[in-house]
Amino acid sequence: MEHKCAHCAKKKERTEKEYKDLINRLNRIEGQVRGVKNMVENDAYCMDIITQASAVAAALNSFNKVLLSNHIKTCVVDNIREGNDEVVDELITMLKKSMK
């Protein structure tokens, strides 16, 4: 199963298990976001909305951790073994952006 990188011609082949896990996580997050939207539309109490929004943020963080772990174990390791150290700079740049 091939998936194209949004900003370049790079591709990542994921196992069926990895693909399904990521999609399932995203589907749950999408449902949580819809739930938060419904809470706002239905004038729910602010603290209840914040609690649910925090759960969404935690779920997205968890998704990112799984994706990053898979990326390091496969793409980064494979590139380094092939002599392409640029992947490390790419990873560092991404981490700096995501940790602002």
PDB file of N, CA and C in Angstrom:
ATOM      1  N   MET A   1       0.851  -1.172   0.000  1.00  0.00           N
ATOM      2  CA  MET A   1       0.000   0.000   0.000  1.00  0.00           C
ATOM      3  C   MET A   1       0.900   1.240   0.000  1.00  0.00           C
ATOM      4  N   GLU A   2       0.849   2.043  -1.047  1.00  0.00           N
ATOM      5  CA  GLU A   2       1.689   3.233  -1.156  1.00  0.00           C
ATOM      6  C   GLU A   2       0.884   4.483  -0.856  1.00  0.00           C
ATOM      7  N   HIS A   3       1.529   5.422  -0.160  1.00  0.00           N
ATOM      8  CA  HIS A   3       0.903   6.702   0.154  1.00  0.00           C
ATOM      9  C   HIS A   3       1.911   7.784  -0.189  1.00  0.00           C
ATOM     10  N   LYS A   4       1.466   8.807  -0.919  1.00  0.00           N
ATOM     11  CA  LYS A   4       2.375   9.870  -1.320  1.00  0.00           C
ATOM     12  C   LYS A   4       2.484  10.929  -0.242  1.00  0.00           C
ATOM     13  N   CYS A   5       3.674  11.440  -0.095  1.00  0.00           N
ATOM     14  CA  CYS A   5       3.940  12.560   0.790  1.00  0.00           C
ATOM     15  C   CYS A   5       3.292  13.801   0.171  1.00  0.00           C
ATOM     16  N   ALA A   6       2.668  14.634   0.984  1.00  0.00           N
ATOM     17  CA  ALA A   6       1.908  15.778   0.482  1.00  0.00           C
ATOM     18  C   ALA A   6       2.784  16.837  -0.187  1.00  0.00           C
ATOM     19  N   HIS A   7       4.028  16.987   0.227  1.00  0.00           N
ATOM     20  CA  HIS A   7       4.847  18.091  -0.266  1.00  0.00           C
ATOM     21  C   HIS A   7       5.960  17.673  -1.222  1.00  0.00           C
ATOM     22  N   CYS A   8       6.033  16.408  -1.565  1.00  0.00           N
ATOM     23  CA  CYS A   8       7.132  15.993  -2.434  1.00  0.00           C
ATOM     24  C   CYS A   8       6.807  14.653  -3.093  1.00  0.00           C
ATOM     25  N   ALA A   9       7.777  14.115  -3.786  1.00  0.00           N
ATOM     26  CA  ALA A   9       7.573  12.854  -4.491  1.00  0.00           C
ATOM     27  C   ALA A   9       7.922  11.649  -3.619  1.00  0.00           C
ATOM     28  N   LYS A  10       8.231  11.865  -2.346  1.00  0.00           N
ATOM     29  CA  LYS A  10       8.564  10.763  -1.455  1.00  0.00           C
ATOM     30  C   LYS A  10       7.326   9.905  -1.218  1.00  0.00           C
ATOM     31  N   LYS A  11       7.575   8.629  -0.998  1.00  0.00           N
ATOM     32  CA  LYS A  11       6.478   7.701  -0.725  1.00  0.00           C
ATOM     33  C   LYS A  11       6.817   6.891   0.500  1.00  0.00           C
ATOM     34  N   LYS A  12       5.783   6.367   1.121  1.00  0.00           N
ATOM     35  CA  LYS A  12       5.956   5.500   2.281  1.00  0.00           C
ATOM     36  C   LYS A  12       5.068   4.293   2.099  1.00  0.00           C
ATOM     37  N   GLU A  13       5.660   3.129   2.061  1.00  0.00           N
ATOM     38  CA  GLU A  13       4.877   1.909   1.999  1.00  0.00           C
ATOM     39  C   GLU A  13       4.626   1.453   3.421  1.00  0.00           C
ATOM     40  N   ARG A  14       3.339   1.382   3.778  1.00  0.00           N
ATOM     41  CA  ARG A  14       2.952   0.968   5.117  1.00  0.00           C
ATOM     42  C   ARG A  14       2.378  -0.441   5.063  1.00  0.00           C
ATOM     43  N   THR A  15       2.583  -1.172   6.147  1.00  0.00           N
ATOM     44  CA  THR A  15       1.938  -2.475   6.231  1.00  0.00           C
ATOM     45  C   THR A  15       0.441  -2.239   6.378  1.00  0.00           C
ATOM     46  N   GLU A  16      -0.339  -3.243   6.068  1.00  0.00           N
ATOM     47  CA  GLU A  16      -1.788  -3.140   6.207  1.00  0.00           C
ATOM     48  C   GLU A  16      -2.165  -2.821   7.653  1.00  0.00           C
ATOM     49  N   LYS A  17      -1.472  -3.442   8.591  1.00  0.00           N
ATOM     50  CA  LYS A  17      -1.736  -3.217  10.023  1.00  0.00           C
ATOM     51  C   LYS A  17      -1.441  -1.762  10.400  1.00  0.00           C
ATOM     52  N   GLU A  18      -0.294  -1.254   9.970  1.00  0.00           N
ATOM     53  CA  GLU A  18       0.073   0.134  10.286  1.00  0.00           C
ATOM     54  C   GLU A  18      -0.941   1.099   9.680  1.00  0.00           C
ATOM     55  N   TYR A  19      -1.299   0.865   8.418  1.00  0.00           N
ATOM     56  CA  TYR A  19      -2.264   1.719   7.726  1.00  0.00           C
ATOM     57  C   TYR A  19      -3.603   1.737   8.465  1.00  0.00           C
ATOM     58  N   LYS A  20      -4.113   0.556   8.811  1.00  0.00           N
ATOM     59  CA  LYS A  20      -5.405   0.467   9.491  1.00  0.00           C
ATOM     60  C   LYS A  20      -5.359   1.138  10.859  1.00  0.00           C
ATOM     61  N   ASP A  21      -4.270   0.966  11.580  1.00  0.00           N
ATOM     62  CA  ASP A  21      -4.126   1.592  12.898  1.00  0.00           C
ATOM     63  C   ASP A  21      -4.171   3.115  12.774  1.00  0.00           C
ATOM     64  N   LEU A  22      -3.424   3.664  11.826  1.00  0.00           N
ATOM     65  CA  LEU A  22      -3.403   5.120  11.651  1.00  0.00           C
ATOM     66  C   LEU A  22      -4.779   5.651  11.245  1.00  0.00           C
ATOM     67  N   ILE A  23      -5.431   4.966  10.309  1.00  0.00           N
ATOM     68  CA  ILE A  23      -6.762   5.403   9.861  1.00  0.00           C
ATOM     69  C   ILE A  23      -7.769   5.302  10.997  1.00  0.00           C
ATOM     70  N   ASN A  24      -7.719   4.230  11.777  1.00  0.00           N
ATOM     71  CA  ASN A  24      -8.633   4.090  12.917  1.00  0.00           C
ATOM     72  C   ASN A  24      -8.429   5.201  13.928  1.00  0.00           C
ATOM     73  N   ARG A  25      -7.175   5.536  14.210  1.00  0.00           N
ATOM     74  CA  ARG A  25      -6.880   6.634  15.135  1.00  0.00           C
ATOM     75  C   ARG A  25      -7.447   7.949  14.595  1.00  0.00           C
ATOM     76  N   LEU A  26      -7.237   8.206  13.314  1.00  0.00           N
ATOM     77  CA  LEU A  26      -7.736   9.447  12.708  1.00  0.00           C
ATOM     78  C   LEU A  26      -9.265   9.489  12.704  1.00  0.00           C
ATOM     79  N   ASN A  27      -9.894   8.362  12.457  1.00  0.00           N
ATOM     80  CA  ASN A  27     -11.366   8.312  12.490  1.00  0.00           C
ATOM     81  C   ASN A  27     -11.890   8.640  13.886  1.00  0.00           C
ATOM     82  N   ARG A  28     -11.214   8.112  14.925  1.00  0.00           N
ATOM     83  CA  ARG A  28     -11.638   8.415  16.298  1.00  0.00           C
ATOM     84  C   ARG A  28     -11.437   9.895  16.596  1.00  0.00           C
ATOM     85  N   ILE A  29     -10.312  10.448  16.173  1.00  0.00           N
ATOM     86  CA  ILE A  29     -10.038  11.870  16.395  1.00  0.00           C
ATOM     87  C   ILE A  29     -11.071  12.731  15.672  1.00  0.00           C
ATOM     88  N   GLU A  30     -11.375  12.362  14.444  1.00  0.00           N
ATOM     89  CA  GLU A  30     -12.386  13.093  13.673  1.00  0.00           C
ATOM     90  C   GLU A  30     -13.729  13.082  14.406  1.00  0.00           C
ATOM     91  N   GLY A  31     -14.097  11.941  14.967  1.00  0.00           N
ATOM     92  CA  GLY A  31     -15.331  11.841  15.730  1.00  0.00           C
ATOM     93  C   GLY A  31     -15.295  12.714  16.977  1.00  0.00           C
ATOM     94  N   GLN A  32     -14.143  12.739  17.635  1.00  0.00           N
ATOM     95  CA  GLN A  32     -14.001  13.580  18.822  1.00  0.00           C
ATOM     96  C   GLN A  32     -14.149  15.063  18.461  1.00  0.00           C
ATOM     97  N   VAL A  33     -13.556  15.468  17.345  1.00  0.00           N
ATOM     98  CA  VAL A  33     -13.649  16.869  16.917  1.00  0.00           C
ATOM     99  C   VAL A  33     -15.098  17.226  16.598  1.00  0.00           C
ATOM    100  N   ARG A  34     -15.795  16.327  15.930  1.00  0.00           N
ATOM    101  CA  ARG A  34     -17.225  16.574  15.664  1.00  0.00           C
ATOM    102  C   ARG A  34     -18.006  16.708  16.968  1.00  0.00           C
ATOM    103  N   GLY A  35     -17.641  15.895  17.956  1.00  0.00           N
ATOM    104  CA  GLY A  35     -18.292  15.972  19.259  1.00  0.00           C
ATOM    105  C   GLY A  35     -18.069  17.313  19.925  1.00  0.00           C
ATOM    106  N   VAL A  36     -16.854  17.830  19.834  1.00  0.00           N
ATOM    107  CA  VAL A  36     -16.551  19.146  20.408  1.00  0.00           C
ATOM    108  C   VAL A  36     -17.343  20.228  19.674  1.00  0.00           C
ATOM    109  N   LYS A  37     -17.414  20.118  18.357  1.00  0.00           N
ATOM    110  CA  LYS A  37     -18.184  21.082  17.573  1.00  0.00           C
ATOM    111  C   LYS A  37     -19.644  21.066  18.000  1.00  0.00           C
ATOM    112  N   ASN A  38     -20.201  19.870  18.173  1.00  0.00           N
ATOM    113  CA  ASN A  38     -21.591  19.751  18.625  1.00  0.00           C
ATOM    114  C   ASN A  38     -21.789  20.372  19.996  1.00  0.00           C
ATOM    115  N   MET A  39     -20.797  20.203  20.851  1.00  0.00           N
ATOM    116  CA  MET A  39     -20.889  20.797  22.193  1.00  0.00           C
ATOM    117  C   MET A  39     -20.973  22.320  22.094  1.00  0.00           C
ATOM    118  N   VAL A  40     -20.147  22.899  21.229  1.00  0.00           N
ATOM    119  CA  VAL A  40     -20.164  24.359  21.039  1.00  0.00           C
ATOM    120  C   VAL A  40     -21.516  24.780  20.468  1.00  0.00           C
ATOM    121  N   GLU A  41     -21.973  24.053  19.451  1.00  0.00           N
ATOM    122  CA  GLU A  41     -23.259  24.383  18.829  1.00  0.00           C
ATOM    123  C   GLU A  41     -24.425  24.271  19.814  1.00  0.00           C
ATOM    124  N   ASN A  42     -24.297  23.390  20.792  1.00  0.00           N
ATOM    125  CA  ASN A  42     -25.371  23.171  21.769  1.00  0.00           C
ATOM    126  C   ASN A  42     -25.133  23.923  23.076  1.00  0.00           C
ATOM    127  N   ASP A  43     -24.231  24.899  23.023  1.00  0.00           N
ATOM    128  CA  ASP A  43     -23.964  25.764  24.181  1.00  0.00           C
ATOM    129  C   ASP A  43     -23.569  24.992  25.443  1.00  0.00           C
ATOM    130  N   ALA A  44     -22.738  23.990  25.274  1.00  0.00           N
ATOM    131  CA  ALA A  44     -22.255  23.224  26.426  1.00  0.00           C
ATOM    132  C   ALA A  44     -21.390  24.108  27.321  1.00  0.00           C
ATOM    133  N   TYR A  45     -21.235  23.689  28.549  1.00  0.00           N
ATOM    134  CA  TYR A  45     -20.439  24.410  29.532  1.00  0.00           C
ATOM    135  C   TYR A  45     -18.976  24.448  29.088  1.00  0.00           C
ATOM    136  N   CYS A  46     -18.339  25.604  29.235  1.00  0.00           N
ATOM    137  CA  CYS A  46     -16.964  25.824  28.758  1.00  0.00           C
ATOM    138  C   CYS A  46     -15.985  24.759  29.241  1.00  0.00           C
ATOM    139  N   MET A  47     -16.042  24.432  30.518  1.00  0.00           N
ATOM    140  CA  MET A  47     -15.088  23.465  31.069  1.00  0.00           C
ATOM    141  C   MET A  47     -15.282  22.078  30.461  1.00  0.00           C
ATOM    142  N   ASP A  48     -16.516  21.730  30.134  1.00  0.00           N
ATOM    143  CA  ASP A  48     -16.770  20.442  29.484  1.00  0.00           C
ATOM    144  C   ASP A  48     -16.171  20.423  28.079  1.00  0.00           C
ATOM    145  N   ILE A  49     -16.298  21.542  27.375  1.00  0.00           N
ATOM    146  CA  ILE A  49     -15.720  21.645  26.030  1.00  0.00           C
ATOM    147  C   ILE A  49     -14.199  21.563  26.109  1.00  0.00           C
ATOM    148  N   ILE A  50     -13.630  22.290  27.057  1.00  0.00           N
ATOM    149  CA  ILE A  50     -12.163  22.286  27.220  1.00  0.00           C
ATOM    150  C   ILE A  50     -11.669  20.879  27.536  1.00  0.00           C
ATOM    151  N   THR A  51     -12.381  20.170  28.375  1.00  0.00           N
ATOM    152  CA  THR A  51     -12.008  18.796  28.718  1.00  0.00           C
ATOM    153  C   THR A  51     -11.980  17.918  27.468  1.00  0.00           C
ATOM    154  N   GLN A  52     -13.019  18.040  26.644  1.00  0.00           N
ATOM    155  CA  GLN A  52     -13.082  17.243  25.417  1.00  0.00           C
ATOM    156  C   GLN A  52     -12.026  17.681  24.395  1.00  0.00           C
ATOM    157  N   ALA A  53     -11.789  18.988  24.298  1.00  0.00           N
ATOM    158  CA  ALA A  53     -10.764  19.487  23.378  1.00  0.00           C
ATOM    159  C   ALA A  53      -9.380  19.002  23.813  1.00  0.00           C
ATOM    160  N   SER A  54      -9.159  18.930  25.113  1.00  0.00           N
ATOM    161  CA  SER A  54      -7.886  18.400  25.624  1.00  0.00           C
ATOM    162  C   SER A  54      -7.721  16.932  25.263  1.00  0.00           C
ATOM    163  N   ALA A  55      -8.823  16.193  25.284  1.00  0.00           N
ATOM    164  CA  ALA A  55      -8.783  14.777  24.898  1.00  0.00           C
ATOM    165  C   ALA A  55      -8.431  14.641  23.417  1.00  0.00           C
ATOM    166  N   VAL A  56      -8.957  15.550  22.589  1.00  0.00           N
ATOM    167  CA  VAL A  56      -8.618  15.555  21.160  1.00  0.00           C
ATOM    168  C   VAL A  56      -7.132  15.819  20.980  1.00  0.00           C
ATOM    169  N   ALA A  57      -6.617  16.811  21.699  1.00  0.00           N
ATOM    170  CA  ALA A  57      -5.189  17.146  21.599  1.00  0.00           C
ATOM    171  C   ALA A  57      -4.328  15.958  22.017  1.00  0.00           C
ATOM    172  N   ALA A  58      -4.718  15.269  23.081  1.00  0.00           N
ATOM    173  CA  ALA A  58      -3.968  14.098  23.547  1.00  0.00           C
ATOM    174  C   ALA A  58      -4.004  12.978  22.508  1.00  0.00           C
ATOM    175  N   ALA A  59      -5.166  12.784  21.884  1.00  0.00           N
ATOM    176  CA  ALA A  59      -5.294  11.740  20.863  1.00  0.00           C
ATOM    177  C   ALA A  59      -4.422  12.068  19.646  1.00  0.00           C
ATOM    178  N   LEU A  60      -4.398  13.326  19.262  1.00  0.00           N
ATOM    179  CA  LEU A  60      -3.561  13.745  18.134  1.00  0.00           C
ATOM    180  C   LEU A  60      -2.079  13.601  18.472  1.00  0.00           C
ATOM    181  N   ASN A  61      -1.728  13.919  19.707  1.00  0.00           N
ATOM    182  CA  ASN A  61      -0.358  13.732  20.177  1.00  0.00           C
ATOM    183  C   ASN A  61       0.037  12.262  20.105  1.00  0.00           C
ATOM    184  N   SER A  62      -0.869  11.398  20.526  1.00  0.00           N
ATOM    185  CA  SER A  62      -0.622   9.967  20.478  1.00  0.00           C
ATOM    186  C   SER A  62      -0.445   9.491  19.037  1.00  0.00           C
ATOM    187  N   PHE A  63      -1.280   9.999  18.131  1.00  0.00           N
ATOM    188  CA  PHE A  63      -1.163   9.678  16.708  1.00  0.00           C
ATOM    189  C   PHE A  63       0.225  10.080  16.201  1.00  0.00           C
ATOM    190  N   ASN A  64       0.647  11.299  16.537  1.00  0.00           N
ATOM    191  CA  ASN A  64       1.953  11.785  16.094  1.00  0.00           C
ATOM    192  C   ASN A  64       3.088  10.935  16.638  1.00  0.00           C
ATOM    193  N   LYS A  65       2.979  10.495  17.879  1.00  0.00           N
ATOM    194  CA  LYS A  65       4.020   9.650  18.473  1.00  0.00           C
ATOM    195  C   LYS A  65       4.142   8.328  17.731  1.00  0.00           C
ATOM    196  N   VAL A  66       3.002   7.721  17.409  1.00  0.00           N
ATOM    197  CA  VAL A  66       3.015   6.442  16.677  1.00  0.00           C
ATOM    198  C   VAL A  66       3.616   6.646  15.292  1.00  0.00           C
ATOM    199  N   LEU A  67       3.176   7.689  14.603  1.00  0.00           N
ATOM    200  CA  LEU A  67       3.671   7.956  13.249  1.00  0.00           C
ATOM    201  C   LEU A  67       5.167   8.266  13.266  1.00  0.00           C
ATOM    202  N   LEU A  68       5.601   9.075  14.219  1.00  0.00           N
ATOM    203  CA  LEU A  68       7.017   9.422  14.320  1.00  0.00           C
ATOM    204  C   LEU A  68       7.860   8.194  14.645  1.00  0.00           C
ATOM    205  N   SER A  69       7.379   7.375  15.555  1.00  0.00           N
ATOM    206  CA  SER A  69       8.100   6.151  15.905  1.00  0.00           C
ATOM    207  C   SER A  69       8.266   5.248  14.688  1.00  0.00           C
ATOM    208  N   ASN A  70       7.172   5.053  13.949  1.00  0.00           N
ATOM    209  CA  ASN A  70       7.239   4.237  12.728  1.00  0.00           C
ATOM    210  C   ASN A  70       8.199   4.852  11.715  1.00  0.00           C
ATOM    211  N   HIS A  71       8.167   6.175  11.587  1.00  0.00           N
ATOM    212  CA  HIS A  71       9.039   6.866  10.637  1.00  0.00           C
ATOM    213  C   HIS A  71      10.509   6.649  10.994  1.00  0.00           C
ATOM    214  N   ILE A  72      10.828   6.807  12.264  1.00  0.00           N
ATOM    215  CA  ILE A  72      12.223   6.640  12.691  1.00  0.00           C
ATOM    216  C   ILE A  72      12.677   5.199  12.473  1.00  0.00           C
ATOM    217  N   LYS A  73      11.827   4.232  12.845  1.00  0.00           N
ATOM    218  CA  LYS A  73      12.205   2.817  12.734  1.00  0.00           C
ATOM    219  C   LYS A  73      12.350   2.348  11.293  1.00  0.00           C
ATOM    220  N   THR A  74      11.688   3.017  10.369  1.00  0.00           N
ATOM    221  CA  THR A  74      11.740   2.571   8.972  1.00  0.00           C
ATOM    222  C   THR A  74      12.479   3.583   8.100  1.00  0.00           C
ATOM    223  N   CYS A  75      11.838   4.672   7.781  1.00  0.00           N
ATOM    224  CA  CYS A  75      12.386   5.642   6.827  1.00  0.00           C
ATOM    225  C   CYS A  75      13.760   6.176   7.255  1.00  0.00           C
ATOM    226  N   VAL A  76      13.867   6.607   8.497  1.00  0.00           N
ATOM    227  CA  VAL A  76      15.126   7.205   8.953  1.00  0.00           C
ATOM    228  C   VAL A  76      16.235   6.157   8.965  1.00  0.00           C
ATOM    229  N   VAL A  77      15.958   5.011   9.560  1.00  0.00           N
ATOM    230  CA  VAL A  77      16.965   3.947   9.633  1.00  0.00           C
ATOM    231  C   VAL A  77      17.387   3.505   8.231  1.00  0.00           C
ATOM    232  N   ASP A  78      16.412   3.284   7.359  1.00  0.00           N
ATOM    233  CA  ASP A  78      16.731   2.838   5.989  1.00  0.00           C
ATOM    234  C   ASP A  78      17.582   3.866   5.261  1.00  0.00           C
ATOM    235  N   ASN A  79      17.211   5.151   5.382  1.00  0.00           N
ATOM    236  CA  ASN A  79      17.976   6.196   4.708  1.00  0.00           C
ATOM    237  C   ASN A  79      19.396   6.290   5.235  1.00  0.00           C
ATOM    238  N   ILE A  80      19.571   6.188   6.528  1.00  0.00           N
ATOM    239  CA  ILE A  80      20.917   6.250   7.114  1.00  0.00           C
ATOM    240  C   ILE A  80      21.749   5.070   6.626  1.00  0.00           C
ATOM    241  N   ARG A  81      21.147   3.886   6.588  1.00  0.00           N
ATOM    242  CA  ARG A  81      21.865   2.693   6.098  1.00  0.00           C
ATOM    243  C   ARG A  81      22.291   2.854   4.647  1.00  0.00           C
ATOM    244  N   GLU A  82      21.494   3.623   3.880  1.00  0.00           N
ATOM    245  CA  GLU A  82      21.819   3.857   2.471  1.00  0.00           C
ATOM    246  C   GLU A  82      22.766   5.040   2.297  1.00  0.00           C
ATOM    247  N   GLY A  83      23.198   5.654   3.399  1.00  0.00           N
ATOM    248  CA  GLY A  83      24.133   6.762   3.326  1.00  0.00           C
ATOM    249  C   GLY A  83      23.478   8.126   3.177  1.00  0.00           C
ATOM    250  N   ASN A  84      22.172   8.199   3.291  1.00  0.00           N
ATOM    251  CA  ASN A  84      21.454   9.464   3.165  1.00  0.00           C
ATOM    252  C   ASN A  84      21.201  10.052   4.554  1.00  0.00           C
ATOM    253  N   ASP A  85      22.140  10.897   4.992  1.00  0.00           N
ATOM    254  CA  ASP A  85      22.018  11.512   6.314  1.00  0.00           C
ATOM    255  C   ASP A  85      21.093  12.721   6.305  1.00  0.00           C
ATOM    256  N   GLU A  86      20.661  13.174   5.128  1.00  0.00           N
ATOM    257  CA  GLU A  86      19.761  14.327   5.037  1.00  0.00           C
ATOM    258  C   GLU A  86      18.454  14.085   5.784  1.00  0.00           C
ATOM    259  N   VAL A  87      18.066  12.823   5.884  1.00  0.00           N
ATOM    260  CA  VAL A  87      16.820  12.474   6.562  1.00  0.00           C
ATOM    261  C   VAL A  87      16.866  12.892   8.038  1.00  0.00           C
ATOM    262  N   VAL A  88      18.062  12.920   8.622  1.00  0.00           N
ATOM    263  CA  VAL A  88      18.207  13.344  10.013  1.00  0.00           C
ATOM    264  C   VAL A  88      17.926  14.837  10.124  1.00  0.00           C
ATOM    265  N   ASP A  89      18.473  15.626   9.190  1.00  0.00           N
ATOM    266  CA  ASP A  89      18.208  17.067   9.186  1.00  0.00           C
ATOM    267  C   ASP A  89      16.723  17.341   8.983  1.00  0.00           C
ATOM    268  N   GLU A  90      16.084  16.580   8.100  1.00  0.00           N
ATOM    269  CA  GLU A  90      14.646  16.719   7.860  1.00  0.00           C
ATOM    270  C   GLU A  90      13.865  16.454   9.145  1.00  0.00           C
ATOM    271  N   LEU A  91      14.258  15.404   9.868  1.00  0.00           N
ATOM    272  CA  LEU A  91      13.600  15.048  11.121  1.00  0.00           C
ATOM    273  C   LEU A  91      13.798  16.144  12.170  1.00  0.00           C
ATOM    274  N   ILE A  92      15.000  16.657  12.288  1.00  0.00           N
ATOM    275  CA  ILE A  92      15.284  17.719  13.258  1.00  0.00           C
ATOM    276  C   ILE A  92      14.479  18.969  12.938  1.00  0.00           C
ATOM    277  N   THR A  93      14.405  19.339  11.676  1.00  0.00           N
ATOM    278  CA  THR A  93      13.623  20.508  11.256  1.00  0.00           C
ATOM    279  C   THR A  93      12.155  20.323  11.612  1.00  0.00           C
ATOM    280  N   MET A  94      11.622  19.145  11.343  1.00  0.00           N
ATOM    281  CA  MET A  94      10.220  18.867  11.656  1.00  0.00           C
ATOM    282  C   MET A  94       9.978  18.919  13.157  1.00  0.00           C
ATOM    283  N   LEU A  95      10.883  18.363  13.945  1.00  0.00           N
ATOM    284  CA  LEU A  95      10.729  18.368  15.405  1.00  0.00           C
ATOM    285  C   LEU A  95      10.768  19.795  15.952  1.00  0.00           C
ATOM    286  N   LYS A  96      11.645  20.622  15.413  1.00  0.00           N
ATOM    287  CA  LYS A  96      11.720  22.021  15.852  1.00  0.00           C
ATOM    288  C   LYS A  96      10.405  22.734  15.569  1.00  0.00           C
ATOM    289  N   LYS A  97       9.848  22.499  14.379  1.00  0.00           N
ATOM    290  CA  LYS A  97       8.566  23.146  14.011  1.00  0.00           C
ATOM    291  C   LYS A  97       7.429  22.663  14.899  1.00  0.00           C
ATOM    292  N   SER A  98       7.410  21.382  15.198  1.00  0.00           N
ATOM    293  CA  SER A  98       6.295  20.819  15.962  1.00  0.00           C
ATOM    294  C   SER A  98       6.385  21.110  17.448  1.00  0.00           C
ATOM    295  N   MET A  99       7.540  21.533  17.914  1.00  0.00           N
ATOM    296  CA  MET A  99       7.723  21.785  19.350  1.00  0.00           C
ATOM    297  C   MET A  99       7.693  23.268  19.693  1.00  0.00           C
ATOM    298  N   LYS A 100       7.164  24.089  18.810  1.00  0.00           N
ATOM    299  CA  LYS A 100       7.105  25.530  19.080  1.00  0.00           C
ATOM    300  C   LYS A 100       6.115  25.829  20.165  1.00  0.00           C
TER     301      LYS A 100
END
